[in-house]
C-alpha atoms as a PDB file:
ATOM      1  CA  MET A   1     -13.167  13.058 -50.059  1.00  0.00           C
ATOM      2  CA  GLY A   2     -14.099  14.797 -46.792  1.00  0.00           C
ATOM      3  CA  ILE A   3     -17.368  16.306 -45.570  1.00  0.00           C
ATOM      4  CA  LYS A   4     -18.700  18.967 -47.954  1.00  0.00           C
ATOM      5  CA  SER A   5     -19.766  22.416 -46.728  1.00  0.00           C
ATOM      6  CA  PRO A   6     -23.462  23.340 -47.153  1.00  0.00           C
ATOM      7  CA  LEU A   7     -22.073  26.002 -49.541  1.00  0.00           C
ATOM      8  CA  HIS A   8     -19.978  23.501 -51.583  1.00  0.00           C
ATOM      9  CA  ASP A   9     -21.985  23.723 -54.778  1.00  0.00           C
ATOM     10  CA  ILE A  10     -21.797  27.509 -54.774  1.00  0.00           C
ATOM     11  CA  HIS A  11     -18.000  27.439 -54.206  1.00  0.00           C
ATOM     12  CA  GLU A  12     -17.647  24.923 -57.008  1.00  0.00           C
ATOM     13  CA  LYS A  13     -19.801  26.981 -59.380  1.00  0.00           C
ATOM     14  CA  LEU A  14     -17.607  30.046 -58.613  1.00  0.00           C
ATOM     15  CA  GLY A  15     -14.429  28.106 -59.490  1.00  0.00           C
ATOM     16  CA  ALA A  16     -12.989  27.405 -55.996  1.00  0.00           C
ATOM     17  CA  LYS A  17      -9.831  25.324 -55.611  1.00  0.00           C
ATOM     18  CA  PHE A  18     -10.516  22.841 -52.815  1.00  0.00           C
ATOM     19  CA  THR A  19      -8.441  21.182 -50.104  1.00  0.00           C
ATOM     20  CA  GLU A  20      -9.111  18.679 -47.381  1.00  0.00           C
ATOM     21  CA  PHE A  21      -8.801  20.008 -43.814  1.00  0.00           C
ATOM     22  CA  ALA A  22      -9.614  18.092 -40.602  1.00  0.00           C
ATOM     23  CA  GLY A  23     -11.939  15.744 -42.469  1.00  0.00           C
ATOM     24  CA  HIS A  24     -13.686  18.522 -44.388  1.00  0.00           C
ATOM     25  CA  TYR A  25     -13.506  19.260 -48.136  1.00  0.00           C
ATOM     26  CA  MET A  26     -13.414  23.027 -48.263  1.00  0.00           C
ATOM     27  CA  PRO A  27     -12.501  25.927 -50.564  1.00  0.00           C
ATOM     28  CA  LEU A  28      -8.932  27.123 -50.280  1.00  0.00           C
ATOM     29  CA  TYR A  29      -8.992  29.988 -52.823  1.00  0.00           C
ATOM     30  CA  TYR A  30     -10.567  31.067 -56.126  1.00  0.00           C
ATOM     31  CA  THR A  31      -8.023  32.997 -58.196  1.00  0.00           C
ATOM     32  CA  SER A  32      -4.836  32.888 -56.142  1.00  0.00           C
ATOM     33  CA  ILE A  33      -4.007  33.073 -52.452  1.00  0.00           C
ATOM     34  CA  LYS A  34      -2.094  36.305 -52.983  1.00  0.00           C
ATOM     35  CA  SER A  35      -4.890  38.092 -54.929  1.00  0.00           C
ATOM     36  CA  GLU A  36      -7.487  37.055 -52.328  1.00  0.00           C
ATOM     37  CA  HIS A  37      -5.255  38.196 -49.482  1.00  0.00           C
ATOM     38  CA  LEU A  38      -4.936  41.614 -51.125  1.00  0.00           C
ATOM     39  CA  ALA A  39      -8.658  41.799 -51.856  1.00  0.00           C
ATOM     40  CA  VAL A  40      -9.484  41.178 -48.192  1.00  0.00           C
ATOM     41  CA  ARG A  41      -6.996  43.797 -47.055  1.00  0.00           C
ATOM     42  CA  ARG A  42      -8.325  46.375 -49.517  1.00  0.00           C
ATOM     43  CA  SER A  43     -12.028  45.620 -49.297  1.00  0.00           C
ATOM     44  CA  VAL A  44     -13.822  42.702 -47.652  1.00  0.00           C
ATOM     45  CA  GLY A  45     -13.795  38.913 -47.607  1.00  0.00           C
ATOM     46  CA  LEU A  46     -16.284  36.178 -46.723  1.00  0.00           C
ATOM     47  CA  PHE A  47     -15.037  32.960 -45.222  1.00  0.00           C
ATOM     48  CA  ASP A  48     -16.978  29.671 -45.091  1.00  0.00           C
ATOM     49  CA  VAL A  49     -16.459  28.461 -41.510  1.00  0.00           C
ATOM     50  CA  SER A  50     -19.159  25.803 -41.587  1.00  0.00           C
ATOM     51  CA  HIS A  51     -16.541  23.193 -40.701  1.00  0.00           C
ATOM     52  CA  MET A  52     -16.116  24.757 -37.267  1.00  0.00           C
ATOM     53  CA  SER A  53     -17.836  23.300 -34.183  1.00  0.00           C
ATOM     54  CA  ASN A  54     -20.719  24.982 -32.443  1.00  0.00           C
ATOM     55  CA  VAL A  55     -21.428  24.728 -28.718  1.00  0.00           C
ATOM     56  CA  TRP A  56     -24.928  25.694 -27.580  1.00  0.00           C
ATOM     57  CA  ILE A  57     -25.295  27.340 -24.185  1.00  0.00           C
ATOM     58  CA  GLU A  58     -28.844  27.680 -22.907  1.00  0.00           C
ATOM     59  CA  GLY A  59     -30.853  27.845 -19.747  1.00  0.00           C
ATOM     60  CA  LYS A  60     -31.531  30.498 -17.146  1.00  0.00           C
ATOM     61  CA  ASP A  61     -27.838  30.947 -16.270  1.00  0.00           C
ATOM     62  CA  ALA A  62     -26.420  30.904 -19.828  1.00  0.00           C
ATOM     63  CA  GLU A  63     -25.591  34.609 -19.791  1.00  0.00           C
ATOM     64  CA  LYS A  64     -24.025  34.308 -16.333  1.00  0.00           C
ATOM     65  CA  LEU A  65     -21.846  31.348 -17.445  1.00  0.00           C
ATOM     66  CA  LEU A  66     -20.502  33.304 -20.442  1.00  0.00           C
ATOM     67  CA  THR A  67     -19.791  36.340 -18.302  1.00  0.00           C
ATOM     68  CA  LEU A  68     -17.923  34.203 -15.690  1.00  0.00           C
ATOM     69  CA  THR A  69     -15.855  32.228 -18.254  1.00  0.00           C
ATOM     70  CA  THR A  70     -14.955  34.942 -20.771  1.00  0.00           C
ATOM     71  CA  VAL A  71     -13.690  38.530 -20.621  1.00  0.00           C
ATOM     72  CA  GLU A  72     -17.080  39.762 -21.832  1.00  0.00           C
ATOM     73  CA  ASP A  73     -20.197  40.924 -20.015  1.00  0.00           C
ATOM     74  CA  ALA A  74     -22.684  38.844 -21.973  1.00  0.00           C
ATOM     75  CA  SER A  75     -25.587  40.993 -20.805  1.00  0.00           C
ATOM     76  CA  ARG A  76     -24.424  43.865 -23.014  1.00  0.00           C
ATOM     77  CA  ILE A  77     -24.577  41.791 -26.228  1.00  0.00           C
ATOM     78  CA  GLY A  78     -27.943  42.331 -27.916  1.00  0.00           C
ATOM     79  CA  GLU A  79     -29.987  39.573 -29.448  1.00  0.00           C
ATOM     80  CA  TYR A  80     -28.686  38.536 -32.915  1.00  0.00           C
ATOM     81  CA  ARG A  81     -25.318  40.134 -32.153  1.00  0.00           C
ATOM     82  CA  GLY A  82     -21.982  38.438 -31.720  1.00  0.00           C
ATOM     83  CA  GLN A  83     -18.811  39.061 -29.758  1.00  0.00           C
ATOM     84  CA  TYR A  84     -15.190  38.028 -30.183  1.00  0.00           C
ATOM     85  CA  THR A  85     -13.800  37.189 -26.749  1.00  0.00           C
ATOM     86  CA  ALA A  86     -11.407  35.028 -24.773  1.00  0.00           C
ATOM     87  CA  ILE A  87     -12.175  32.002 -22.596  1.00  0.00           C
ATOM     88  CA  LEU A  88     -10.450  32.133 -19.208  1.00  0.00           C
ATOM     89  CA  ARG A  89      -9.167  29.694 -16.628  1.00  0.00           C
ATOM     90  CA  GLU A  90     -10.157  30.189 -12.984  1.00  0.00           C
ATOM     91  CA  ASP A  91      -6.894  32.135 -12.412  1.00  0.00           C
ATOM     92  CA  GLY A  92      -7.758  34.515 -15.266  1.00  0.00           C
ATOM     93  CA  THR A  93      -5.240  33.246 -17.819  1.00  0.00           C
ATOM     94  CA  ILE A  94      -6.434  32.739 -21.348  1.00  0.00           C
ATOM     95  CA  ILE A  95      -7.354  29.286 -22.591  1.00  0.00           C
ATOM     96  CA  ASP A  96      -8.429  30.278 -26.105  1.00  0.00           C
ATOM     97  CA  ASP A  97     -10.246  32.914 -28.131  1.00  0.00           C
ATOM     98  CA  THR A  98     -13.795  32.382 -29.364  1.00  0.00           C
ATOM     99  CA  ILE A  99     -16.851  34.031 -30.790  1.00  0.00           C
ATOM    100  CA  PHE A 100     -20.255  33.834 -29.229  1.00  0.00           C
ATOM    101  CA  LEU A 101     -23.609  34.753 -30.746  1.00  0.00           C
ATOM    102  CA  HIS A 102     -26.639  35.822 -28.721  1.00  0.00           C
ATOM    103  CA  LEU A 103     -29.693  34.095 -30.208  1.00  0.00           C
ATOM    104  CA  PRO A 104     -33.218  33.975 -28.790  1.00  0.00           C
ATOM    105  CA  GLU A 105     -33.191  31.891 -25.580  1.00  0.00           C
ATOM    106  CA  LYS A 106     -29.593  30.684 -26.058  1.00  0.00           C
ATOM    107  CA  TYR A 107     -26.039  31.455 -27.118  1.00  0.00           C
ATOM    108  CA  MET A 108     -23.929  29.763 -29.754  1.00  0.00           C
ATOM    109  CA  LEU A 109     -20.192  29.533 -28.986  1.00  0.00           C
ATOM    110  CA  ILE A 110     -17.851  28.983 -31.917  1.00  0.00           C
ATOM    111  CA  PRO A 111     -14.546  27.631 -30.616  1.00  0.00           C
ATOM    112  CA  ASN A 112     -11.349  28.760 -32.300  1.00  0.00           C
ATOM    113  CA  ALA A 113     -10.129  26.230 -34.889  1.00  0.00           C
ATOM    114  CA  GLY A 114     -13.180  24.182 -33.985  1.00  0.00           C
END
């Protein structure tokens, strides 16, 4: 069995069907994949992404680094706010998409498929 999510016991209590993915034991669905797909399209869904990596960016030039390496002006993202963005190569082509969160004194970068 893989690594369990911090939310594993809650998922289990709610009747989740589990699968192993990249060394993690995680919920796949509760009722059926189709019914959950439709529920998310019609209303809202919550996804446990605790298996994804986190990269911490901190220091006096953290904001500058994010602005230089993504398509976002990090200075416009308020504290405790997040932004979906793309990471760029030096020539401006896209390496990958990502999400970053502005936390006090640092940023948390959540790589795609991390």
